[in-house]
PDB file of N, CA and C in Angstrom:
ATOM      1  N   MET A   1      12.697   4.271   4.355  1.00  0.00           N
ATOM      2  CA  MET A   1      11.363   3.448   4.316  1.00  0.00           C
ATOM      3  C   MET A   1      11.571   1.988   4.087  1.00  0.00           C
ATOM      4  N   GLU A   2      10.686   1.281   4.969  1.00  0.00           N
ATOM      5  CA  GLU A   2      11.010  -0.283   4.700  1.00  0.00           C
ATOM      6  C   GLU A   2      10.313  -0.786   3.287  1.00  0.00           C
ATOM      7  N   LYS A   3      10.844  -1.809   2.999  1.00  0.00           N
ATOM      8  CA  LYS A   3      10.312  -2.491   1.619  1.00  0.00           C
ATOM      9  C   LYS A   3       8.910  -2.907   1.733  1.00  0.00           C
ATOM     10  N   GLN A   4       8.503  -3.309   2.902  1.00  0.00           N
ATOM     11  CA  GLN A   4       7.035  -3.529   3.112  1.00  0.00           C
ATOM     12  C   GLN A   4       6.008  -2.307   2.995  1.00  0.00           C
ATOM     13  N   ASP A   5       6.670  -1.248   3.565  1.00  0.00           N
ATOM     14  CA  ASP A   5       6.112   0.021   3.435  1.00  0.00           C
ATOM     15  C   ASP A   5       5.821   0.517   1.836  1.00  0.00           C
ATOM     16  N   ILE A   6       6.877   0.338   1.114  1.00  0.00           N
ATOM     17  CA  ILE A   6       6.819   0.675  -0.228  1.00  0.00           C
ATOM     18  C   ILE A   6       5.856  -0.196  -0.975  1.00  0.00           C
ATOM     19  N   TYR A   7       5.917  -1.653  -0.685  1.00  0.00           N
ATOM     20  CA  TYR A   7       4.859  -2.505  -1.161  1.00  0.00           C
ATOM     21  C   TYR A   7       3.491  -2.055  -1.042  1.00  0.00           C
ATOM     22  N   ASN A   8       3.168  -1.683   0.315  1.00  0.00           N
ATOM     23  CA  ASN A   8       1.892  -1.333   0.586  1.00  0.00           C
ATOM     24  C   ASN A   8       1.340   0.060  -0.081  1.00  0.00           C
ATOM     25  N   GLU A   9       2.517   0.996  -0.050  1.00  0.00           N
ATOM     26  CA  GLU A   9       2.125   2.247  -0.802  1.00  0.00           C
ATOM     27  C   GLU A   9       1.758   2.055  -2.383  1.00  0.00           C
ATOM     28  N   LEU A  10       2.782   1.199  -2.963  1.00  0.00           N
ATOM     29  CA  LEU A  10       2.503   0.843  -4.400  1.00  0.00           C
ATOM     30  C   LEU A  10       1.153   0.220  -4.616  1.00  0.00           C
ATOM     31  N   THR A  11       0.862  -0.713  -3.795  1.00  0.00           N
ATOM     32  CA  THR A  11      -0.447  -1.544  -3.904  1.00  0.00           C
ATOM     33  C   THR A  11      -1.720  -0.583  -3.845  1.00  0.00           C
ATOM     34  N   ALA A  12      -1.511   0.426  -2.911  1.00  0.00           N
ATOM     35  CA  ALA A  12      -2.581   1.311  -2.822  1.00  0.00           C
ATOM     36  C   ALA A  12      -2.773   2.147  -3.992  1.00  0.00           C
ATOM     37  N   LYS A  13      -1.508   2.656  -4.661  1.00  0.00           N
ATOM     38  CA  LYS A  13      -1.617   3.442  -5.886  1.00  0.00           C
ATOM     39  C   LYS A  13      -2.263   2.813  -6.820  1.00  0.00           C
ATOM     40  N   ILE A  14      -1.796   1.389  -7.074  1.00  0.00           N
ATOM     41  CA  ILE A  14      -2.354   0.563  -8.296  1.00  0.00           C
ATOM     42  C   ILE A  14      -3.727   0.381  -8.061  1.00  0.00           C
ATOM     43  N   ASN A  15      -4.103   0.018  -6.901  1.00  0.00           N
ATOM     44  CA  ASN A  15      -5.845  -0.157  -6.618  1.00  0.00           C
ATOM     45  C   ASN A  15      -6.364   1.187  -6.975  1.00  0.00           C
ATOM     46  N   SER A  16      -6.020   2.411  -6.501  1.00  0.00           N
ATOM     47  CA  SER A  16      -6.575   3.682  -6.737  1.00  0.00           C
ATOM     48  C   SER A  16      -6.598   4.104  -8.483  1.00  0.00           C
ATOM     49  N   LYS A  17      -5.471   3.648  -8.935  1.00  0.00           N
ATOM     50  CA  LYS A  17      -5.349   4.148 -10.485  1.00  0.00           C
ATOM     51  C   LYS A  17      -6.195   2.947 -11.241  1.00  0.00           C
ATOM     52  N   ARG A  18      -6.330   1.792 -10.737  1.00  0.00           N
ATOM     53  CA  ARG A  18      -7.235   0.820 -11.470  1.00  0.00           C
ATOM     54  C   ARG A  18      -8.708   1.300 -11.392  1.00  0.00           C
ATOM     55  N   ASN A  19      -9.087   1.685 -10.248  1.00  0.00           N
ATOM     56  CA  ASN A  19     -10.507   2.187 -10.067  1.00  0.00           C
ATOM     57  C   ASN A  19     -10.840   3.493 -11.017  1.00  0.00           C
ATOM     58  N   LEU A  20      -9.773   4.365 -10.905  1.00  0.00           N
ATOM     59  CA  LEU A  20      -9.959   5.651 -11.745  1.00  0.00           C
ATOM     60  C   LEU A  20     -10.074   5.136 -13.332  1.00  0.00           C
ATOM     61  N   MET A  21      -9.312   4.149 -13.634  1.00  0.00           N
ATOM     62  CA  MET A  21      -9.208   3.701 -15.063  1.00  0.00           C
ATOM     63  C   MET A  21     -10.637   3.179 -15.402  1.00  0.00           C
ATOM     64  N   ILE A  22     -11.186   2.197 -14.359  1.00  0.00           N
ATOM     65  CA  ILE A  22     -12.456   1.665 -14.731  1.00  0.00           C
ATOM     66  C   ILE A  22     -13.547   2.585 -14.874  1.00  0.00           C
ATOM     67  N   ARG A  23     -13.637   3.525 -13.860  1.00  0.00           N
ATOM     68  CA  ARG A  23     -14.677   4.524 -13.909  1.00  0.00           C
ATOM     69  C   ARG A  23     -14.623   5.370 -15.204  1.00  0.00           C
ATOM     70  N   ALA A  24     -13.360   5.611 -15.596  1.00  0.00           N
ATOM     71  CA  ALA A  24     -13.217   6.613 -16.816  1.00  0.00           C
ATOM     72  C   ALA A  24     -13.812   5.736 -18.192  1.00  0.00           C
ATOM     73  N   GLY A  25     -13.441   4.373 -17.895  1.00  0.00           N
ATOM     74  CA  GLY A  25     -13.535   3.349 -19.136  1.00  0.00           C
ATOM     75  C   GLY A  25     -15.345   3.248 -19.294  1.00  0.00           C
ATOM     76  N   MET A  26     -15.858   3.235 -17.975  1.00  0.00           N
ATOM     77  CA  MET A  26     -17.436   3.086 -18.079  1.00  0.00           C
ATOM     78  C   MET A  26     -18.155   4.315 -18.349  1.00  0.00           C
ATOM     79  N   THR A  27     -17.635   5.438 -17.990  1.00  0.00           N
ATOM     80  CA  THR A  27     -18.214   6.701 -18.364  1.00  0.00           C
ATOM     81  C   THR A  27     -17.862   7.358 -19.599  1.00  0.00           C
ATOM     82  N   LYS A  28     -16.713   7.177 -20.014  1.00  0.00           N
ATOM     83  CA  LYS A  28     -16.092   7.864 -21.206  1.00  0.00           C
ATOM     84  C   LYS A  28     -15.782   7.171 -22.267  1.00  0.00           C
ATOM     85  N   GLY A  29     -15.801   5.686 -22.072  1.00  0.00           N
ATOM     86  CA  GLY A  29     -15.481   4.843 -23.173  1.00  0.00           C
ATOM     87  C   GLY A  29     -13.886   4.412 -23.110  1.00  0.00           C
ATOM     88  N   LEU A  30     -13.621   3.112 -23.727  1.00  0.00           N
ATOM     89  CA  LEU A  30     -12.436   2.524 -23.516  1.00  0.00           C
ATOM     90  C   LEU A  30     -11.373   3.217 -24.205  1.00  0.00           C
ATOM     91  N   ASN A  31     -11.659   3.967 -25.285  1.00  0.00           N
ATOM     92  CA  ASN A  31     -10.822   4.623 -26.135  1.00  0.00           C
ATOM     93  C   ASN A  31     -10.608   6.039 -25.934  1.00  0.00           C
ATOM     94  N   HIS A  32     -11.166   6.624 -24.902  1.00  0.00           N
ATOM     95  CA  HIS A  32     -11.075   7.933 -24.376  1.00  0.00           C
ATOM     96  C   HIS A  32      -9.624   8.244 -23.992  1.00  0.00           C
ATOM     97  N   PHE A  33      -9.304   9.472 -24.198  1.00  0.00           N
ATOM     98  CA  PHE A  33      -7.822   9.742 -23.837  1.00  0.00           C
ATOM     99  C   PHE A  33      -7.639   9.436 -22.255  1.00  0.00           C
ATOM    100  N   GLU A  34      -8.604  10.068 -21.466  1.00  0.00           N
ATOM    101  CA  GLU A  34      -8.346   9.870 -19.929  1.00  0.00           C
ATOM    102  C   GLU A  34      -8.154   8.344 -19.507  1.00  0.00           C
ATOM    103  N   THR A  35      -9.110   7.416 -20.376  1.00  0.00           N
ATOM    104  CA  THR A  35      -9.005   6.020 -20.001  1.00  0.00           C
ATOM    105  C   THR A  35      -7.659   5.469 -20.267  1.00  0.00           C
ATOM    106  N   ILE A  36      -7.171   5.801 -21.503  1.00  0.00           N
ATOM    107  CA  ILE A  36      -5.699   5.406 -21.824  1.00  0.00           C
ATOM    108  C   ILE A  36      -4.691   5.901 -20.999  1.00  0.00           C
ATOM    109  N   GLN A  37      -4.869   7.139 -20.606  1.00  0.00           N
ATOM    110  CA  GLN A  37      -3.901   7.793 -19.725  1.00  0.00           C
ATOM    111  C   GLN A  37      -3.698   6.945 -18.307  1.00  0.00           C
ATOM    112  N   TYR A  38      -4.896   6.720 -17.879  1.00  0.00           N
ATOM    113  CA  TYR A  38      -4.906   5.921 -16.541  1.00  0.00           C
ATOM    114  C   TYR A  38      -4.260   4.535 -16.743  1.00  0.00           C
ATOM    115  N   SER A  39      -4.656   3.964 -17.906  1.00  0.00           N
ATOM    116  CA  SER A  39      -3.925   2.624 -18.155  1.00  0.00           C
ATOM    117  C   SER A  39      -2.503   2.656 -18.295  1.00  0.00           C
ATOM    118  N   GLU A  40      -2.025   3.584 -18.834  1.00  0.00           N
ATOM    119  CA  GLU A  40      -0.550   3.768 -19.176  1.00  0.00           C
ATOM    120  C   GLU A  40       0.130   4.018 -17.861  1.00  0.00           C
ATOM    121  N   GLU A  41      -0.616   4.689 -16.842  1.00  0.00           N
ATOM    122  CA  GLU A  41       0.032   5.142 -15.313  1.00  0.00           C
ATOM    123  C   GLU A  41      -0.175   3.843 -14.575  1.00  0.00           C
ATOM    124  N   LEU A  42      -1.148   3.120 -14.862  1.00  0.00           N
ATOM    125  CA  LEU A  42      -1.293   1.731 -14.075  1.00  0.00           C
ATOM    126  C   LEU A  42      -0.204   0.872 -14.533  1.00  0.00           C
ATOM    127  N   ASP A  43       0.115   0.809 -15.731  1.00  0.00           N
ATOM    128  CA  ASP A  43       1.138  -0.161 -16.281  1.00  0.00           C
ATOM    129  C   ASP A  43       2.478   0.276 -15.792  1.00  0.00           C
ATOM    130  N   LYS A  44       2.760   1.526 -15.594  1.00  0.00           N
ATOM    131  CA  LYS A  44       4.168   1.950 -14.967  1.00  0.00           C
ATOM    132  C   LYS A  44       4.088   1.542 -13.561  1.00  0.00           C
ATOM    133  N   LEU A  45       3.019   1.683 -12.766  1.00  0.00           N
ATOM    134  CA  LEU A  45       2.981   1.215 -11.303  1.00  0.00           C
ATOM    135  C   LEU A  45       3.107  -0.085 -11.188  1.00  0.00           C
ATOM    136  N   ILE A  46       2.426  -0.953 -12.008  1.00  0.00           N
ATOM    137  CA  ILE A  46       2.634  -2.405 -11.929  1.00  0.00           C
ATOM    138  C   ILE A  46       4.067  -2.759 -12.316  1.00  0.00           C
ATOM    139  N   HIS A  47       4.503  -2.207 -13.354  1.00  0.00           N
ATOM    140  CA  HIS A  47       6.041  -2.475 -13.605  1.00  0.00           C
ATOM    141  C   HIS A  47       6.968  -2.178 -12.574  1.00  0.00           C
ATOM    142  N   THR A  48       6.669  -1.142 -11.754  1.00  0.00           N
ATOM    143  CA  THR A  48       7.562  -0.651 -10.581  1.00  0.00           C
ATOM    144  C   THR A  48       7.543  -1.751  -9.662  1.00  0.00           C
ATOM    145  N   TYR A  49       6.052  -2.163  -9.275  1.00  0.00           N
ATOM    146  CA  TYR A  49       5.898  -3.184  -8.220  1.00  0.00           C
ATOM    147  C   TYR A  49       6.729  -4.422  -8.759  1.00  0.00           C
ATOM    148  N   GLN A  50       6.681  -4.963  -9.842  1.00  0.00           N
ATOM    149  CA  GLN A  50       7.219  -6.181 -10.374  1.00  0.00           C
ATOM    150  C   GLN A  50       8.611  -6.049 -10.227  1.00  0.00           C
ATOM    151  N   MET A  51       9.419  -4.856 -10.479  1.00  0.00           N
ATOM    152  CA  MET A  51      10.620  -4.665 -10.291  1.00  0.00           C
ATOM    153  C   MET A  51      11.112  -4.742  -9.005  1.00  0.00           C
ATOM    154  N   LEU A  52      10.394  -4.202  -8.217  1.00  0.00           N
ATOM    155  CA  LEU A  52      10.593  -4.303  -6.723  1.00  0.00           C
ATOM    156  C   LEU A  52      10.627  -5.668  -6.000  1.00  0.00           C
ATOM    157  N   ILE A  53       9.667  -6.406  -6.586  1.00  0.00           N
ATOM    158  CA  ILE A  53       9.568  -8.006  -6.164  1.00  0.00           C
ATOM    159  C   ILE A  53      10.846  -8.607  -6.638  1.00  0.00           C
ATOM    160  N   LYS A  54      11.366  -8.227  -7.620  1.00  0.00           N
ATOM    161  CA  LYS A  54      12.656  -9.016  -8.101  1.00  0.00           C
ATOM    162  C   LYS A  54      13.823  -8.577  -7.161  1.00  0.00           C
ATOM    163  N   LEU A  55      13.710  -7.545  -6.292  1.00  0.00           N
ATOM    164  CA  LEU A  55      15.000  -7.122  -5.603  1.00  0.00           C
ATOM    165  C   LEU A  55      15.213  -7.990  -4.441  1.00  0.00           C
ATOM    166  N   PRO A  56      16.361  -8.348  -4.200  1.00  0.00           N
ATOM    167  CA  PRO A  56      16.814  -9.331  -3.038  1.00  0.00           C
ATOM    168  C   PRO A  56      16.320  -8.826  -1.720  1.00  0.00           C
ATOM    169  N   SER A  57      15.851  -9.472  -0.886  1.00  0.00           N
ATOM    170  CA  SER A  57      15.434  -9.010   0.447  1.00  0.00           C
ATOM    171  C   SER A  57      16.767  -8.893   1.307  1.00  0.00           C
ATOM    172  N   ASN A  58      16.749  -7.777   2.311  1.00  0.00           N
ATOM    173  CA  ASN A  58      17.824  -7.595   3.049  1.00  0.00           C
ATOM    174  C   ASN A  58      17.695  -7.921   4.372  1.00  0.00           C
TER     175      ASN A  58
END
């Protein structure tokens, strides 16, 4: 898989997870377990993306 494909896939996952988190926060509250779970999953995806950016291009 090309690095650009990985960027695109991660970006799509980040946007999807962000939307889920926002919806959960708006309907269930910011302290609801589901909202916090989405937030933690989003953090992991963003961290993965940031680590990928730091890799040298080949």
